[in-house]
Amino acid sequence: MEKSTKDWVKYLSAVALIASAIAMGFLSFIITLDIGPGPLTYIGEALSAALVIFGLGVYVSGKVDDKFNDLKAQIHREVQNVVEKKMTDSETN
């Protein structure tokens, strides 16, 4: 599965969880004029799961990007050091 497809599935399921929590809250209140412990538990769990889907993806993406950029900068510095060393060695010879 491609990365973009995985992202779409992830975000659509998070949006579906949020929408179902809102719908459950409205329906429960309209039918009984109260939100009982069962629907309230579902609403809490659905919103928590949706927030984890959104938040965890952003956090992991940020950390991976940071580590990748650090590694890229370190490789760039090492390459520059090698090039400078070669240049100074060729100038002395």
N, C-alpha and C. Protein backbone atom coordinates (compact mmCIF):
# COMPACT_ATOMS: atom_id res chain seq x y z
N MET A 1 0.84 -1.18 0.00
CA MET A 1 0.00 0.00 0.00
C MET A 1 0.88 1.24 0.00
N GLU A 2 0.53 2.22 -0.80
CA GLU A 2 1.34 3.44 -0.89
C GLU A 2 1.16 4.30 0.36
N LYS A 3 2.14 5.17 0.58
CA LYS A 3 2.10 6.03 1.75
C LYS A 3 0.88 6.94 1.72
N SER A 4 0.55 7.49 0.56
CA SER A 4 -0.61 8.39 0.49
C SER A 4 -1.91 7.64 0.77
N THR A 5 -2.01 6.40 0.33
CA THR A 5 -3.21 5.60 0.61
C THR A 5 -3.33 5.33 2.10
N LYS A 6 -2.21 5.01 2.74
CA LYS A 6 -2.23 4.78 4.18
C LYS A 6 -2.65 6.03 4.92
N ASP A 7 -2.16 7.18 4.49
CA ASP A 7 -2.53 8.44 5.13
C ASP A 7 -4.02 8.71 4.98
N TRP A 8 -4.55 8.49 3.77
CA TRP A 8 -5.97 8.70 3.55
C TRP A 8 -6.81 7.79 4.43
N VAL A 9 -6.45 6.52 4.52
CA VAL A 9 -7.20 5.58 5.36
C VAL A 9 -7.13 6.01 6.82
N LYS A 10 -5.96 6.40 7.26
CA LYS A 10 -5.77 6.82 8.65
C LYS A 10 -6.62 8.05 8.97
N TYR A 11 -6.54 9.06 8.13
CA TYR A 11 -7.28 10.29 8.39
C TYR A 11 -8.79 10.12 8.23
N LEU A 12 -9.20 9.33 7.25
CA LEU A 12 -10.63 9.09 7.08
C LEU A 12 -11.21 8.32 8.26
N SER A 13 -10.45 7.36 8.81
CA SER A 13 -10.96 6.65 9.98
C SER A 13 -11.03 7.56 11.20
N ALA A 14 -10.08 8.47 11.33
CA ALA A 14 -10.13 9.42 12.45
C ALA A 14 -11.33 10.35 12.30
N VAL A 15 -11.57 10.84 11.10
CA VAL A 15 -12.73 11.71 10.87
C VAL A 15 -14.03 10.94 11.09
N ALA A 16 -14.08 9.67 10.67
CA ALA A 16 -15.27 8.84 10.88
C ALA A 16 -15.51 8.64 12.38
N LEU A 17 -14.45 8.45 13.16
CA LEU A 17 -14.61 8.30 14.60
C LEU A 17 -15.17 9.57 15.23
N ILE A 18 -14.66 10.72 14.82
CA ILE A 18 -15.15 11.99 15.35
C ILE A 18 -16.62 12.19 14.96
N ALA A 19 -16.95 11.93 13.70
CA ALA A 19 -18.33 12.09 13.23
C ALA A 19 -19.28 11.15 13.96
N SER A 20 -18.85 9.92 14.17
CA SER A 20 -19.73 8.97 14.86
C SER A 20 -19.91 9.35 16.33
N ALA A 21 -18.90 9.92 16.95
CA ALA A 21 -19.03 10.37 18.33
C ALA A 21 -20.02 11.52 18.43
N ILE A 22 -19.93 12.46 17.49
CA ILE A 22 -20.87 13.59 17.48
C ILE A 22 -22.29 13.09 17.22
N ALA A 23 -22.45 12.20 16.25
CA ALA A 23 -23.77 11.66 15.93
C ALA A 23 -24.34 10.89 17.12
N MET A 24 -23.52 10.10 17.79
CA MET A 24 -23.98 9.34 18.96
C MET A 24 -24.44 10.27 20.06
N GLY A 25 -23.70 11.34 20.28
CA GLY A 25 -24.09 12.30 21.31
C GLY A 25 -25.41 12.97 20.99
N PHE A 26 -25.58 13.44 19.74
CA PHE A 26 -26.83 14.09 19.35
C PHE A 26 -28.01 13.12 19.42
N LEU A 27 -27.85 11.92 18.87
CA LEU A 27 -28.94 10.95 18.88
C LEU A 27 -29.32 10.55 20.29
N SER A 28 -28.34 10.32 21.12
CA SER A 28 -28.63 9.94 22.51
C SER A 28 -29.38 11.05 23.22
N PHE A 29 -28.98 12.29 23.00
CA PHE A 29 -29.65 13.40 23.67
C PHE A 29 -31.05 13.64 23.12
N ILE A 30 -31.21 13.51 21.79
CA ILE A 30 -32.52 13.73 21.18
C ILE A 30 -33.52 12.66 21.61
N ILE A 31 -33.07 11.41 21.68
CA ILE A 31 -33.98 10.31 22.01
C ILE A 31 -34.34 10.29 23.49
N THR A 32 -33.36 10.45 24.37
CA THR A 32 -33.61 10.29 25.80
C THR A 32 -33.50 11.58 26.60
N LEU A 33 -33.12 12.68 25.96
CA LEU A 33 -32.86 13.96 26.64
C LEU A 33 -31.79 13.82 27.72
N ASP A 34 -30.93 12.85 27.53
CA ASP A 34 -29.82 12.60 28.46
C ASP A 34 -28.76 11.81 27.70
N ILE A 35 -27.54 11.97 28.12
CA ILE A 35 -26.47 11.15 27.54
C ILE A 35 -26.03 10.19 28.63
N GLY A 36 -26.39 8.93 28.45
CA GLY A 36 -26.10 7.91 29.46
C GLY A 36 -24.64 7.50 29.46
N PRO A 37 -24.30 6.62 30.39
CA PRO A 37 -22.89 6.21 30.51
C PRO A 37 -22.37 5.41 29.32
N GLY A 38 -23.23 4.65 28.65
CA GLY A 38 -22.80 3.87 27.49
C GLY A 38 -22.40 4.76 26.32
N PRO A 39 -23.29 5.64 25.88
CA PRO A 39 -22.91 6.55 24.80
C PRO A 39 -21.77 7.48 25.18
N LEU A 40 -21.75 7.91 26.42
CA LEU A 40 -20.67 8.80 26.86
C LEU A 40 -19.32 8.09 26.81
N THR A 41 -19.30 6.82 27.18
CA THR A 41 -18.07 6.03 27.09
C THR A 41 -17.61 5.91 25.64
N TYR A 42 -18.57 5.62 24.73
CA TYR A 42 -18.22 5.52 23.32
C TYR A 42 -17.68 6.84 22.80
N ILE A 43 -18.33 7.94 23.16
CA ILE A 43 -17.88 9.26 22.70
C ILE A 43 -16.46 9.52 23.17
N GLY A 44 -16.17 9.23 24.42
CA GLY A 44 -14.82 9.43 24.96
C GLY A 44 -13.78 8.57 24.27
N GLU A 45 -14.11 7.31 24.06
CA GLU A 45 -13.17 6.40 23.41
C GLU A 45 -12.94 6.78 21.95
N ALA A 46 -14.00 7.15 21.25
CA ALA A 46 -13.87 7.51 19.84
C ALA A 46 -13.04 8.78 19.68
N LEU A 47 -13.29 9.78 20.51
CA LEU A 47 -12.52 11.01 20.42
C LEU A 47 -11.06 10.78 20.81
N SER A 48 -10.83 9.95 21.81
CA SER A 48 -9.45 9.64 22.21
C SER A 48 -8.69 8.93 21.08
N ALA A 49 -9.35 7.96 20.46
CA ALA A 49 -8.71 7.23 19.37
C ALA A 49 -8.41 8.15 18.19
N ALA A 50 -9.35 9.02 17.86
CA ALA A 50 -9.14 9.95 16.74
C ALA A 50 -8.00 10.91 17.03
N LEU A 51 -7.93 11.41 18.25
CA LEU A 51 -6.85 12.32 18.60
C LEU A 51 -5.50 11.62 18.59
N VAL A 52 -5.47 10.37 18.98
CA VAL A 52 -4.21 9.60 18.93
C VAL A 52 -3.78 9.41 17.48
N ILE A 53 -4.73 9.12 16.61
CA ILE A 53 -4.40 8.93 15.19
C ILE A 53 -3.78 10.20 14.63
N PHE A 54 -4.41 11.35 14.90
CA PHE A 54 -3.87 12.62 14.39
C PHE A 54 -2.57 12.99 15.08
N GLY A 55 -2.54 12.96 16.39
CA GLY A 55 -1.39 13.43 17.16
C GLY A 55 -0.16 12.56 17.01
N LEU A 56 -0.34 11.25 17.05
CA LEU A 56 0.80 10.34 16.97
C LEU A 56 1.46 10.43 15.60
N GLY A 57 0.67 10.53 14.55
CA GLY A 57 1.24 10.65 13.20
C GLY A 57 2.07 11.91 13.05
N VAL A 58 1.57 13.01 13.58
CA VAL A 58 2.30 14.28 13.49
C VAL A 58 3.58 14.21 14.30
N TYR A 59 3.50 13.63 15.49
CA TYR A 59 4.68 13.53 16.37
C TYR A 59 5.76 12.65 15.74
N VAL A 60 5.37 11.49 15.25
CA VAL A 60 6.34 10.56 14.66
C VAL A 60 6.95 11.16 13.40
N SER A 61 6.13 11.79 12.56
CA SER A 61 6.65 12.41 11.34
C SER A 61 7.68 13.49 11.67
N GLY A 62 7.37 14.29 12.68
CA GLY A 62 8.29 15.35 13.10
C GLY A 62 9.61 14.79 13.61
N LYS A 63 9.54 13.74 14.43
CA LYS A 63 10.76 13.15 14.98
C LYS A 63 11.60 12.49 13.89
N VAL A 64 10.97 11.80 12.98
CA VAL A 64 11.70 11.14 11.89
C VAL A 64 12.36 12.20 11.01
N ASP A 65 11.63 13.26 10.71
CA ASP A 65 12.21 14.34 9.90
C ASP A 65 13.40 14.98 10.60
N ASP A 66 13.29 15.21 11.91
CA ASP A 66 14.40 15.79 12.67
C ASP A 66 15.63 14.89 12.62
N LYS A 67 15.44 13.60 12.85
CA LYS A 67 16.58 12.66 12.83
C LYS A 67 17.19 12.57 11.44
N PHE A 68 16.34 12.56 10.42
CA PHE A 68 16.84 12.50 9.05
C PHE A 68 17.65 13.74 8.71
N ASN A 69 17.15 14.91 9.11
CA ASN A 69 17.88 16.15 8.85
C ASN A 69 19.21 16.19 9.61
N ASP A 70 19.22 15.70 10.86
CA ASP A 70 20.47 15.63 11.63
C ASP A 70 21.48 14.72 10.94
N LEU A 71 21.01 13.56 10.48
CA LEU A 71 21.89 12.61 9.80
C LEU A 71 22.42 13.20 8.50
N LYS A 72 21.57 13.88 7.77
CA LYS A 72 21.98 14.50 6.51
C LYS A 72 23.03 15.59 6.76
N ALA A 73 22.84 16.39 7.80
CA ALA A 73 23.81 17.43 8.13
C ALA A 73 25.14 16.83 8.55
N GLN A 74 25.10 15.75 9.31
CA GLN A 74 26.33 15.09 9.75
C GLN A 74 27.09 14.51 8.55
N ILE A 75 26.38 13.89 7.63
CA ILE A 75 27.02 13.34 6.44
C ILE A 75 27.63 14.46 5.61
N HIS A 76 26.92 15.57 5.49
CA HIS A 76 27.44 16.72 4.74
C HIS A 76 28.72 17.25 5.38
N ARG A 77 28.75 17.36 6.71
CA ARG A 77 29.96 17.82 7.40
C ARG A 77 31.13 16.87 7.18
N GLU A 78 30.86 15.58 7.24
CA GLU A 78 31.92 14.59 7.05
C GLU A 78 32.48 14.66 5.62
N VAL A 79 31.60 14.81 4.65
CA VAL A 79 32.05 14.92 3.27
C VAL A 79 32.90 16.17 3.08
N GLN A 80 32.48 17.28 3.68
CA GLN A 80 33.26 18.50 3.59
C GLN A 80 34.63 18.32 4.24
N ASN A 81 34.69 17.64 5.37
CA ASN A 81 35.97 17.39 6.03
C ASN A 81 36.90 16.56 5.15
N VAL A 82 36.35 15.54 4.51
CA VAL A 82 37.16 14.69 3.63
C VAL A 82 37.66 15.49 2.44
N VAL A 83 36.80 16.30 1.86
CA VAL A 83 37.19 17.11 0.69
C VAL A 83 38.28 18.10 1.10
N GLU A 84 38.10 18.76 2.24
CA GLU A 84 39.11 19.71 2.70
C GLU A 84 40.44 19.03 2.98
N LYS A 85 40.39 17.83 3.56
CA LYS A 85 41.61 17.08 3.83
C LYS A 85 42.30 16.71 2.52
N LYS A 86 41.56 16.28 1.53
CA LYS A 86 42.13 15.95 0.23
C LYS A 86 42.76 17.18 -0.43
N MET A 87 42.08 18.32 -0.29
CA MET A 87 42.59 19.55 -0.88
C MET A 87 43.91 19.96 -0.21
N THR A 88 43.98 19.86 1.10
CA THR A 88 45.21 20.26 1.80
C THR A 88 46.32 19.26 1.52
N ASP A 89 45.98 17.98 1.40
CA ASP A 89 46.99 16.96 1.08
C ASP A 89 47.54 17.19 -0.33
N SER A 90 46.69 17.53 -1.28
CA SER A 90 47.17 17.73 -2.66
C SER A 90 47.98 19.03 -2.77
N GLU A 91 47.69 20.02 -1.94
CA GLU A 91 48.44 21.26 -1.98
C GLU A 91 49.85 21.09 -1.39
N THR A 92 49.97 20.23 -0.38
CA THR A 92 51.29 20.02 0.24
C THR A 92 52.17 19.14 -0.61
N ASN A 93 51.58 18.32 -1.46
CA ASN A 93 52.38 17.42 -2.31
C ASN A 93 52.76 18.04 -3.59
